[in-house]
């Protein structure tokens, strides 16, 4: 899988990196278990929930580290 970006759809991230679900839920970017829709980009959904650009950048960094770890 390619590196995750802020323009990736939440559903795409969940489908291709299931390990991201608990991480994003803990961060407050709600997912499949909270009744919120899974569509929208990571940036759009995060911004709607009050995350700053630097918060989103940190999430992307963490998700890409997670991605690297599962590909090993």
PDB file of N, CA and C in Angstrom:
ATOM      1  N   UNK A   1       0.844  -1.180   0.000  1.00  0.00           N
ATOM      2  CA  UNK A   1       0.000   0.000   0.000  1.00  0.00           C
ATOM      3  C   UNK A   1       0.889   1.244   0.000  1.00  0.00           C
ATOM      4  N   UNK A   2       0.438   2.264  -0.672  1.00  0.00           N
ATOM      5  CA  UNK A   2       1.159   3.534  -0.718  1.00  0.00           C
ATOM      6  C   UNK A   2       1.062   4.227   0.637  1.00  0.00           C
ATOM      7  N   UNK A   3       1.881   5.223   0.828  1.00  0.00           N
ATOM      8  CA  UNK A   3       1.843   6.001   2.070  1.00  0.00           C
ATOM      9  C   UNK A   3       0.485   6.678   2.221  1.00  0.00           C
ATOM     10  N   UNK A   4       0.035   6.783   3.454  1.00  0.00           N
ATOM     11  CA  UNK A   4      -1.243   7.424   3.764  1.00  0.00           C
ATOM     12  C   UNK A   4      -1.053   8.933   3.730  1.00  0.00           C
ATOM     13  N   UNK A   5      -2.055   9.622   3.174  1.00  0.00           N
ATOM     14  CA  UNK A   5      -2.027  11.085   3.127  1.00  0.00           C
ATOM     15  C   UNK A   5      -3.319  11.626   3.715  1.00  0.00           C
ATOM     16  N   UNK A   6      -3.352  12.922   3.928  1.00  0.00           N
ATOM     17  CA  UNK A   6      -4.554  13.561   4.469  1.00  0.00           C
ATOM     18  C   UNK A   6      -5.715  13.503   3.479  1.00  0.00           C
ATOM     19  N   UNK A   7      -5.422  13.238   2.219  1.00  0.00           N
ATOM     20  CA  UNK A   7      -6.459  13.187   1.192  1.00  0.00           C
ATOM     21  C   UNK A   7      -7.065  11.801   1.002  1.00  0.00           C
ATOM     22  N   UNK A   8      -6.569  10.821   1.759  1.00  0.00           N
ATOM     23  CA  UNK A   8      -7.136   9.467   1.663  1.00  0.00           C
ATOM     24  C   UNK A   8      -8.467   9.401   2.395  1.00  0.00           C
ATOM     25  N   UNK A   9      -9.399   8.658   1.799  1.00  0.00           N
ATOM     26  CA  UNK A   9     -10.700   8.440   2.424  1.00  0.00           C
ATOM     27  C   UNK A   9     -10.532   7.549   3.654  1.00  0.00           C
ATOM     28  N   UNK A  10     -11.282   7.855   4.707  1.00  0.00           N
ATOM     29  CA  UNK A  10     -11.248   7.050   5.931  1.00  0.00           C
ATOM     30  C   UNK A  10     -11.535   5.585   5.617  1.00  0.00           C
ATOM     31  N   UNK A  11     -12.529   5.334   4.801  1.00  0.00           N
ATOM     32  CA  UNK A  11     -12.885   3.960   4.460  1.00  0.00           C
ATOM     33  C   UNK A  11     -11.713   3.234   3.789  1.00  0.00           C
ATOM     34  N   UNK A  12     -10.977   3.921   2.920  1.00  0.00           N
ATOM     35  CA  UNK A  12      -9.801   3.348   2.260  1.00  0.00           C
ATOM     36  C   UNK A  12      -8.731   2.985   3.295  1.00  0.00           C
ATOM     37  N   UNK A  13      -8.511   3.885   4.246  1.00  0.00           N
ATOM     38  CA  UNK A  13      -7.512   3.628   5.284  1.00  0.00           C
ATOM     39  C   UNK A  13      -7.920   2.418   6.109  1.00  0.00           C
ATOM     40  N   UNK A  14      -9.181   2.370   6.536  1.00  0.00           N
ATOM     41  CA  UNK A  14      -9.668   1.246   7.342  1.00  0.00           C
ATOM     42  C   UNK A  14      -9.554  -0.072   6.585  1.00  0.00           C
ATOM     43  N   UNK A  15      -9.901  -0.042   5.311  1.00  0.00           N
ATOM     44  CA  UNK A  15      -9.877  -1.270   4.501  1.00  0.00           C
ATOM     45  C   UNK A  15      -8.451  -1.785   4.311  1.00  0.00           C
ATOM     46  N   UNK A  16      -7.522  -0.880   4.080  1.00  0.00           N
ATOM     47  CA  UNK A  16      -6.151  -1.271   3.759  1.00  0.00           C
ATOM     48  C   UNK A  16      -5.221  -1.337   4.966  1.00  0.00           C
ATOM     49  N   UNK A  17      -5.644  -0.750   6.067  1.00  0.00           N
ATOM     50  CA  UNK A  17      -4.856  -0.793   7.291  1.00  0.00           C
ATOM     51  C   UNK A  17      -5.815  -0.944   8.479  1.00  0.00           C
ATOM     52  N   UNK A  18      -6.386  -2.133   8.662  1.00  0.00           N
ATOM     53  CA  UNK A  18      -7.361  -2.334   9.741  1.00  0.00           C
ATOM     54  C   UNK A  18      -6.807  -1.972  11.121  1.00  0.00           C
ATOM     55  N   UNK A  19      -5.497  -2.042  11.277  1.00  0.00           N
ATOM     56  CA  UNK A  19      -4.865  -1.670  12.547  1.00  0.00           C
ATOM     57  C   UNK A  19      -5.096  -0.197  12.885  1.00  0.00           C
ATOM     58  N   UNK A  20      -5.484   0.593  11.890  1.00  0.00           N
ATOM     59  CA  UNK A  20      -5.713   2.021  12.121  1.00  0.00           C
ATOM     60  C   UNK A  20      -7.031   2.297  12.835  1.00  0.00           C
ATOM     61  N   UNK A  21      -7.944   1.346  12.823  1.00  0.00           N
ATOM     62  CA  UNK A  21      -9.273   1.590  13.400  1.00  0.00           C
ATOM     63  C   UNK A  21      -9.195   1.944  14.882  1.00  0.00           C
ATOM     64  N   UNK A  22      -8.568   1.106  15.730  1.00  0.00           N
ATOM     65  CA  UNK A  22      -8.518   1.486  17.145  1.00  0.00           C
ATOM     66  C   UNK A  22      -7.740   2.785  17.387  1.00  0.00           C
ATOM     67  N   UNK A  23      -6.691   2.999  16.609  1.00  0.00           N
ATOM     68  CA  UNK A  23      -5.892   4.219  16.748  1.00  0.00           C
ATOM     69  C   UNK A  23      -6.748   5.455  16.463  1.00  0.00           C
ATOM     70  N   UNK A  24      -7.451   5.458  15.341  1.00  0.00           N
ATOM     71  CA  UNK A  24      -8.255   6.626  14.976  1.00  0.00           C
ATOM     72  C   UNK A  24      -9.450   6.798  15.902  1.00  0.00           C
ATOM     73  N   UNK A  25      -9.996   5.700  16.396  1.00  0.00           N
ATOM     74  CA  UNK A  25     -11.094   5.805  17.356  1.00  0.00           C
ATOM     75  C   UNK A  25     -10.594   6.429  18.659  1.00  0.00           C
ATOM     76  N   UNK A  26      -9.427   6.013  19.120  1.00  0.00           N
ATOM     77  CA  UNK A  26      -8.855   6.565  20.347  1.00  0.00           C
ATOM     78  C   UNK A  26      -8.568   8.059  20.183  1.00  0.00           C
ATOM     79  N   UNK A  27      -8.142   8.450  19.004  1.00  0.00           N
ATOM     80  CA  UNK A  27      -7.853   9.856  18.724  1.00  0.00           C
ATOM     81  C   UNK A  27      -9.135  10.696  18.629  1.00  0.00           C
ATOM     82  N   UNK A  28     -10.279  10.051  18.425  1.00  0.00           N
ATOM     83  CA  UNK A  28     -11.528  10.784  18.286  1.00  0.00           C
ATOM     84  C   UNK A  28     -11.972  10.976  16.853  1.00  0.00           C
ATOM     85  N   UNK A  29     -11.253  10.357  15.923  1.00  0.00           N
ATOM     86  CA  UNK A  29     -11.691  10.353  14.531  1.00  0.00           C
ATOM     87  C   UNK A  29     -12.532   9.095  14.405  1.00  0.00           C
ATOM     88  N   UNK A  30     -13.809   9.240  14.670  1.00  0.00           N
ATOM     89  CA  UNK A  30     -14.692   8.098  14.849  1.00  0.00           C
ATOM     90  C   UNK A  30     -14.748   7.216  13.619  1.00  0.00           C
ATOM     91  N   UNK A  31     -15.038   5.951  13.858  1.00  0.00           N
ATOM     92  CA  UNK A  31     -15.048   4.995  12.767  1.00  0.00           C
ATOM     93  C   UNK A  31     -16.256   4.103  12.787  1.00  0.00           C
ATOM     94  N   UNK A  32     -16.051   2.865  12.443  1.00  0.00           N
ATOM     95  CA  UNK A  32     -17.149   1.953  12.176  1.00  0.00           C
ATOM     96  C   UNK A  32     -17.968   1.582  13.407  1.00  0.00           C
ATOM     97  N   UNK A  33     -17.429   1.700  14.600  1.00  0.00           N
ATOM     98  CA  UNK A  33     -18.159   1.269  15.779  1.00  0.00           C
ATOM     99  C   UNK A  33     -18.928   2.372  16.479  1.00  0.00           C
ATOM    100  N   UNK A  34     -18.870   3.597  16.010  1.00  0.00           N
ATOM    101  CA  UNK A  34     -19.511   4.687  16.742  1.00  0.00           C
ATOM    102  C   UNK A  34     -20.739   5.233  16.039  1.00  0.00           C
ATOM    103  N   UNK A  35     -21.134   4.631  14.949  1.00  0.00           N
ATOM    104  CA  UNK A  35     -22.330   5.084  14.251  1.00  0.00           C
ATOM    105  C   UNK A  35     -22.093   6.244  13.308  1.00  0.00           C
ATOM    106  N   UNK A  36     -20.890   6.721  13.210  1.00  0.00           N
ATOM    107  CA  UNK A  36     -20.570   7.813  12.297  1.00  0.00           C
ATOM    108  C   UNK A  36     -20.261   7.242  10.920  1.00  0.00           C
ATOM    109  N   UNK A  37     -20.545   7.988   9.883  1.00  0.00           N
ATOM    110  CA  UNK A  37     -20.176   7.501   8.544  1.00  0.00           C
ATOM    111  C   UNK A  37     -18.668   7.429   8.391  1.00  0.00           C
ATOM    112  N   UNK A  38     -18.229   6.515   7.537  1.00  0.00           N
ATOM    113  CA  UNK A  38     -16.798   6.323   7.321  1.00  0.00           C
ATOM    114  C   UNK A  38     -16.310   7.072   6.099  1.00  0.00           C
ATOM    115  N   UNK A  39     -17.134   7.849   5.437  1.00  0.00           N
ATOM    116  CA  UNK A  39     -16.679   8.506   4.234  1.00  0.00           C
ATOM    117  C   UNK A  39     -16.177   9.894   4.549  1.00  0.00           C
ATOM    118  N   UNK A  40     -15.365  10.354   3.668  1.00  0.00           N
ATOM    119  CA  UNK A  40     -14.690  11.632   3.837  1.00  0.00           C
ATOM    120  C   UNK A  40     -13.206  11.381   3.979  1.00  0.00           C
ATOM    121  N   UNK A  41     -12.436  12.382   3.638  1.00  0.00           N
ATOM    122  CA  UNK A  41     -10.990  12.233   3.748  1.00  0.00           C
ATOM    123  C   UNK A  41     -10.569  12.363   5.205  1.00  0.00           C
ATOM    124  N   UNK A  42      -9.383  11.883   5.489  1.00  0.00           N
ATOM    125  CA  UNK A  42      -8.843  11.999   6.838  1.00  0.00           C
ATOM    126  C   UNK A  42      -8.792  13.467   7.256  1.00  0.00           C
ATOM    127  N   UNK A  43      -8.389  14.332   6.346  1.00  0.00           N
ATOM    128  CA  UNK A  43      -8.321  15.759   6.664  1.00  0.00           C
ATOM    129  C   UNK A  43      -9.709  16.332   6.950  1.00  0.00           C
ATOM    130  N   UNK A  44     -10.686  16.016   6.121  1.00  0.00           N
ATOM    131  CA  UNK A  44     -12.036  16.560   6.283  1.00  0.00           C
ATOM    132  C   UNK A  44     -12.645  16.123   7.612  1.00  0.00           C
ATOM    133  N   UNK A  45     -12.593  14.824   7.882  1.00  0.00           N
ATOM    134  CA  UNK A  45     -13.200  14.290   9.103  1.00  0.00           C
ATOM    135  C   UNK A  45     -12.477  14.826  10.330  1.00  0.00           C
ATOM    136  N   UNK A  46     -11.151  14.877  10.275  1.00  0.00           N
ATOM    137  CA  UNK A  46     -10.373  15.368  11.416  1.00  0.00           C
ATOM    138  C   UNK A  46     -10.626  16.846  11.664  1.00  0.00           C
ATOM    139  N   UNK A  47     -10.661  17.627  10.609  1.00  0.00           N
ATOM    140  CA  UNK A  47     -10.916  19.063  10.746  1.00  0.00           C
ATOM    141  C   UNK A  47     -12.302  19.307  11.326  1.00  0.00           C
ATOM    142  N   UNK A  48     -13.278  18.536  10.884  1.00  0.00           N
ATOM    143  CA  UNK A  48     -14.638  18.649  11.437  1.00  0.00           C
ATOM    144  C   UNK A  48     -14.663  18.399  12.938  1.00  0.00           C
ATOM    145  N   UNK A  49     -13.753  17.578  13.413  1.00  0.00           N
ATOM    146  CA  UNK A  49     -13.709  17.227  14.832  1.00  0.00           C
ATOM    147  C   UNK A  49     -12.730  18.099  15.610  1.00  0.00           C
ATOM    148  N   UNK A  50     -12.235  19.163  14.974  1.00  0.00           N
ATOM    149  CA  UNK A  50     -11.437  20.158  15.672  1.00  0.00           C
ATOM    150  C   UNK A  50      -9.942  19.938  15.695  1.00  0.00           C
ATOM    151  N   UNK A  51      -9.440  19.025  14.891  1.00  0.00           N
ATOM    152  CA  UNK A  51      -7.997  18.789  14.853  1.00  0.00           C
ATOM    153  C   UNK A  51      -7.310  19.864  14.020  1.00  0.00           C
ATOM    154  N   UNK A  52      -6.138  20.278  14.476  1.00  0.00           N
ATOM    155  CA  UNK A  52      -5.336  21.260  13.736  1.00  0.00           C
ATOM    156  C   UNK A  52      -4.543  20.551  12.643  1.00  0.00           C
ATOM    157  N   UNK A  53      -3.944  21.338  11.768  1.00  0.00           N
ATOM    158  CA  UNK A  53      -3.100  20.756  10.715  1.00  0.00           C
ATOM    159  C   UNK A  53      -1.950  19.957  11.312  1.00  0.00           C
ATOM    160  N   UNK A  54      -1.364  20.461  12.404  1.00  0.00           N
ATOM    161  CA  UNK A  54      -0.248  19.732  13.019  1.00  0.00           C
ATOM    162  C   UNK A  54      -0.723  18.436  13.668  1.00  0.00           C
ATOM    163  N   UNK A  55      -1.945  18.430  14.225  1.00  0.00           N
ATOM    164  CA  UNK A  55      -2.518  17.186  14.766  1.00  0.00           C
ATOM    165  C   UNK A  55      -2.688  16.155  13.653  1.00  0.00           C
ATOM    166  N   UNK A  56      -3.197  16.612  12.522  1.00  0.00           N
ATOM    167  CA  UNK A  56      -3.422  15.720  11.380  1.00  0.00           C
ATOM    168  C   UNK A  56      -2.094  15.195  10.848  1.00  0.00           C
ATOM    169  N   UNK A  57      -1.099  16.070  10.768  1.00  0.00           N
ATOM    170  CA  UNK A  57       0.232  15.630  10.321  1.00  0.00           C
ATOM    171  C   UNK A  57       0.795  14.549  11.242  1.00  0.00           C
ATOM    172  N   UNK A  58       0.598  14.696  12.542  1.00  0.00           N
ATOM    173  CA  UNK A  58       1.072  13.698  13.493  1.00  0.00           C
ATOM    174  C   UNK A  58       0.333  12.371  13.307  1.00  0.00           C
ATOM    175  N   UNK A  59      -0.978  12.435  13.093  1.00  0.00           N
ATOM    176  CA  UNK A  59      -1.744  11.210  12.842  1.00  0.00           C
ATOM    177  C   UNK A  59      -1.243  10.509  11.584  1.00  0.00           C
ATOM    178  N   UNK A  60      -0.983  11.276  10.542  1.00  0.00           N
ATOM    179  CA  UNK A  60      -0.491  10.697   9.285  1.00  0.00           C
ATOM    180  C   UNK A  60       0.863  10.035   9.509  1.00  0.00           C
ATOM    181  N   UNK A  61       1.723  10.700  10.262  1.00  0.00           N
ATOM    182  CA  UNK A  61       3.036  10.121  10.573  1.00  0.00           C
ATOM    183  C   UNK A  61       2.850   8.797  11.320  1.00  0.00           C
ATOM    184  N   UNK A  62       2.002   8.779  12.343  1.00  0.00           N
ATOM    185  CA  UNK A  62       1.751   7.562  13.111  1.00  0.00           C
ATOM    186  C   UNK A  62       1.165   6.450  12.236  1.00  0.00           C
ATOM    187  N   UNK A  63       0.215   6.803  11.383  1.00  0.00           N
ATOM    188  CA  UNK A  63      -0.404   5.803  10.510  1.00  0.00           C
ATOM    189  C   UNK A  63       0.606   5.209   9.537  1.00  0.00           C
ATOM    190  N   UNK A  64       1.491   6.037   9.020  1.00  0.00           N
ATOM    191  CA  UNK A  64       2.501   5.529   8.089  1.00  0.00           C
ATOM    192  C   UNK A  64       3.543   4.659   8.782  1.00  0.00           C
ATOM    193  N   UNK A  65       3.843   4.963  10.032  1.00  0.00           N
ATOM    194  CA  UNK A  65       4.710   4.070  10.810  1.00  0.00           C
ATOM    195  C   UNK A  65       4.009   2.730  11.001  1.00  0.00           C
ATOM    196  N   UNK A  66       2.739   2.776  11.346  1.00  0.00           N
ATOM    197  CA  UNK A  66       1.938   1.554  11.506  1.00  0.00           C
ATOM    198  C   UNK A  66       1.936   0.759  10.209  1.00  0.00           C
ATOM    199  N   UNK A  67       1.776   1.450   9.106  1.00  0.00           N
ATOM    200  CA  UNK A  67       1.766   0.802   7.794  1.00  0.00           C
ATOM    201  C   UNK A  67       3.089   0.087   7.516  1.00  0.00           C
ATOM    202  N   UNK A  68       4.177   0.758   7.819  1.00  0.00           N
ATOM    203  CA  UNK A  68       5.507   0.152   7.625  1.00  0.00           C
ATOM    204  C   UNK A  68       5.671  -1.097   8.491  1.00  0.00           C
ATOM    205  N   UNK A  69       5.193  -1.039   9.704  1.00  0.00           N
ATOM    206  CA  UNK A  69       5.337  -2.168  10.629  1.00  0.00           C
ATOM    207  C   UNK A  69       4.548  -3.388  10.177  1.00  0.00           C
ATOM    208  N   UNK A  70       3.374  -3.190   9.603  1.00  0.00           N
ATOM    209  CA  UNK A  70       2.577  -4.343   9.178  1.00  0.00           C
ATOM    210  C   UNK A  70       3.080  -4.913   7.840  1.00  0.00           C
ATOM    211  N   UNK A  71       3.842  -4.129   7.106  1.00  0.00           N
ATOM    212  CA  UNK A  71       4.372  -4.607   5.831  1.00  0.00           C
ATOM    213  C   UNK A  71       5.657  -5.398   5.989  1.00  0.00           C
ATOM    214  N   UNK A  72       6.243  -5.357   7.176  1.00  0.00           N
ATOM    215  CA  UNK A  72       7.514  -6.055   7.410  1.00  0.00           C
ATOM    216  C   UNK A  72       7.282  -7.538   7.563  1.00  0.00           C
TER     217      UNK A  72
END
